[in-house]
Amino acid sequence: MKTTASFLKNVWRATPPATWAATGACLLLLAAMAGSLAISGCATTKAGLSREQQIYRAGTNIVAQVDKVVPYMPVPVSSAAEIALALVSAGLAAWNTHQQVAIRKLKNGNGNGKSPPSPSAATSPAPAAS
């Protein structure tokens, strides 16, 4: 444990403050994106699902841009950032799967996954008595 602590202490001292600031900003951005996904992840209407898809696209674009910067970070920080990006990407994939299921249910009718009844199967009104 002592060698790990001394290693981390040396890494902290050797890494420029700008690198730590950039790393913190990237992680903060990823956390904000994950928070917004958690808040807005239960839409069942067409407008809500459209909004969620826009958030999903923005999230994947952010992950792609951060992924371009990660190789230039120092080794211990880049490893942590890679893990964070992998977790966020997995979360985005799971959320996209949820969105596709919700869209499929919405297209099937009434958002309940059941097909709407055909007009011939509907009950016809009773004839008027004369």
Protein backbone atom coordinates (compact mmCIF):
# COMPACT_ATOMS: atom_id res chain seq x y z
CA MET A 1 0.00 0.00 0.00
CA LYS A 2 2.88 2.32 0.77
CA THR A 3 4.32 1.93 -2.73
CA THR A 4 0.93 2.64 -4.33
CA ALA A 5 0.51 5.78 -2.26
CA SER A 6 4.01 7.00 -3.10
CA PHE A 7 3.42 6.20 -6.79
CA LEU A 8 0.20 8.22 -6.84
CA LYS A 9 1.91 11.04 -4.98
CA ASN A 10 4.68 11.14 -7.60
CA VAL A 11 2.15 11.06 -10.43
CA TRP A 12 0.23 13.94 -8.83
CA ARG A 13 3.40 16.03 -8.61
CA ALA A 14 4.63 15.17 -12.12
CA THR A 15 1.37 15.87 -13.92
CA PRO A 16 0.80 19.48 -15.02
CA PRO A 17 -2.21 21.24 -13.48
CA ALA A 18 -3.71 21.85 -16.93
CA THR A 19 -3.92 18.10 -17.47
CA TRP A 20 -5.77 17.63 -14.19
CA ALA A 21 -8.11 20.49 -15.09
CA ALA A 22 -8.84 18.99 -18.52
CA THR A 23 -9.40 15.57 -16.96
CA GLY A 24 -11.74 17.03 -14.36
CA ALA A 25 -13.67 18.92 -17.02
CA CYS A 26 -14.09 15.77 -19.13
CA LEU A 27 -15.25 13.72 -16.16
CA LEU A 28 -17.63 16.50 -15.08
CA LEU A 29 -19.06 16.63 -18.60
CA LEU A 30 -19.54 12.87 -18.63
CA ALA A 31 -21.22 12.98 -15.21
CA ALA A 32 -23.55 15.77 -16.36
CA MET A 33 -24.46 13.75 -19.42
CA ALA A 34 -25.16 10.65 -17.32
CA GLY A 35 -27.34 12.75 -15.00
CA SER A 36 -29.36 14.18 -17.86
CA LEU A 37 -29.85 10.66 -19.24
CA ALA A 38 -31.07 9.43 -15.89
CA ILE A 39 -33.57 12.29 -15.58
CA SER A 40 -35.01 12.09 -19.09
CA GLY A 41 -34.97 8.36 -19.77
CA CYS A 42 -38.66 7.41 -19.47
CA ALA A 43 -40.43 9.04 -22.41
CA THR A 44 -43.30 7.19 -24.09
CA THR A 45 -44.64 9.84 -26.47
CA LYS A 46 -43.34 10.57 -29.94
CA ALA A 47 -42.10 14.02 -28.92
CA GLY A 48 -40.42 12.67 -25.79
CA LEU A 49 -38.69 9.88 -27.69
CA SER A 50 -37.51 12.37 -30.30
CA ARG A 51 -36.04 14.54 -27.53
CA GLU A 52 -34.33 11.51 -26.00
CA GLN A 53 -32.83 10.55 -29.35
CA GLN A 54 -31.38 14.05 -29.69
CA ILE A 55 -29.85 13.74 -26.21
CA TYR A 56 -28.49 10.30 -27.15
CA ARG A 57 -26.87 11.66 -30.31
CA ALA A 58 -25.32 14.54 -28.36
CA GLY A 59 -24.04 12.07 -25.76
CA THR A 60 -22.40 9.85 -28.34
CA ASN A 61 -20.81 12.90 -29.97
CA ILE A 62 -19.43 14.04 -26.60
CA VAL A 63 -18.01 10.58 -25.92
CA ALA A 64 -16.38 10.55 -29.37
CA GLN A 65 -14.78 13.97 -28.81
CA VAL A 66 -13.50 13.06 -25.34
CA ASP A 67 -12.16 9.80 -26.75
CA LYS A 68 -9.95 11.81 -29.13
CA VAL A 69 -8.35 13.65 -26.19
CA VAL A 70 -7.80 10.67 -23.86
CA PRO A 71 -4.63 9.34 -25.58
CA TYR A 72 -2.85 12.61 -24.81
CA MET A 73 -3.49 12.39 -21.07
CA PRO A 74 -0.86 10.89 -18.76
CA VAL A 75 -1.05 7.15 -18.15
CA PRO A 76 -2.93 6.84 -14.85
CA VAL A 77 -5.43 9.53 -15.82
CA SER A 78 -5.99 8.16 -19.31
CA SER A 79 -6.68 4.70 -17.93
CA ALA A 80 -9.36 6.06 -15.60
CA ALA A 81 -10.81 8.15 -18.43
CA GLU A 82 -10.92 5.10 -20.71
CA ILE A 83 -12.82 3.16 -18.05
CA ALA A 84 -15.24 6.05 -17.58
CA LEU A 85 -15.78 6.30 -21.35
CA ALA A 86 -16.42 2.57 -21.55
CA LEU A 87 -19.00 2.76 -18.77
CA VAL A 88 -20.72 5.76 -20.35
CA SER A 89 -20.73 4.04 -23.75
CA ALA A 90 -22.28 0.93 -22.22
CA GLY A 91 -24.91 3.08 -20.53
CA LEU A 92 -25.68 4.84 -23.80
CA ALA A 93 -26.03 1.49 -25.57
CA ALA A 94 -28.46 0.22 -22.92
CA TRP A 95 -30.43 3.46 -23.07
CA ASN A 96 -30.59 3.24 -26.88
CA THR A 97 -31.97 -0.29 -26.57
CA HIS A 98 -34.66 1.04 -24.22
CA GLN A 99 -35.48 3.81 -26.70
CA GLN A 100 -35.84 1.36 -29.58
CA VAL A 101 -38.21 -0.82 -27.55
CA ALA A 102 -40.30 2.24 -26.65
CA ILE A 103 -40.40 3.34 -30.31
CA ARG A 104 -41.47 -0.16 -31.38
CA LYS A 105 -44.26 -0.15 -28.78
CA LEU A 106 -45.40 3.29 -29.90
CA LYS A 107 -45.55 2.18 -33.55
CA ASN A 108 -47.56 -0.93 -32.63
CA GLY A 109 -50.33 1.16 -31.15
CA ASN A 110 -51.24 3.04 -27.99
CA GLY A 111 -47.83 2.51 -26.44
CA ASN A 112 -48.88 -0.81 -24.91
CA GLY A 113 -47.25 -3.14 -27.45
CA LYS A 114 -50.61 -4.43 -28.73
CA SER A 115 -51.80 -3.93 -32.26
CA PRO A 116 -54.88 -1.72 -32.62
CA PRO A 117 -58.09 -3.64 -33.36
CA SER A 118 -59.08 -3.96 -36.99
CA PRO A 119 -62.26 -2.13 -38.10
CA SER A 120 -64.06 -5.39 -38.93
CA ALA A 121 -63.47 -6.79 -35.42
CA ALA A 122 -64.93 -3.73 -33.76
CA THR A 123 -68.48 -4.06 -32.50
CA SER A 124 -71.06 -2.42 -34.70
CA PRO A 125 -73.76 -0.26 -33.16
CA ALA A 126 -77.13 -1.89 -32.53
CA PRO A 127 -79.82 -1.12 -35.16
CA ALA A 128 -82.37 1.46 -34.18
CA ALA A 129 -85.86 0.12 -33.26
CA SER A 130 -88.71 1.47 -35.30
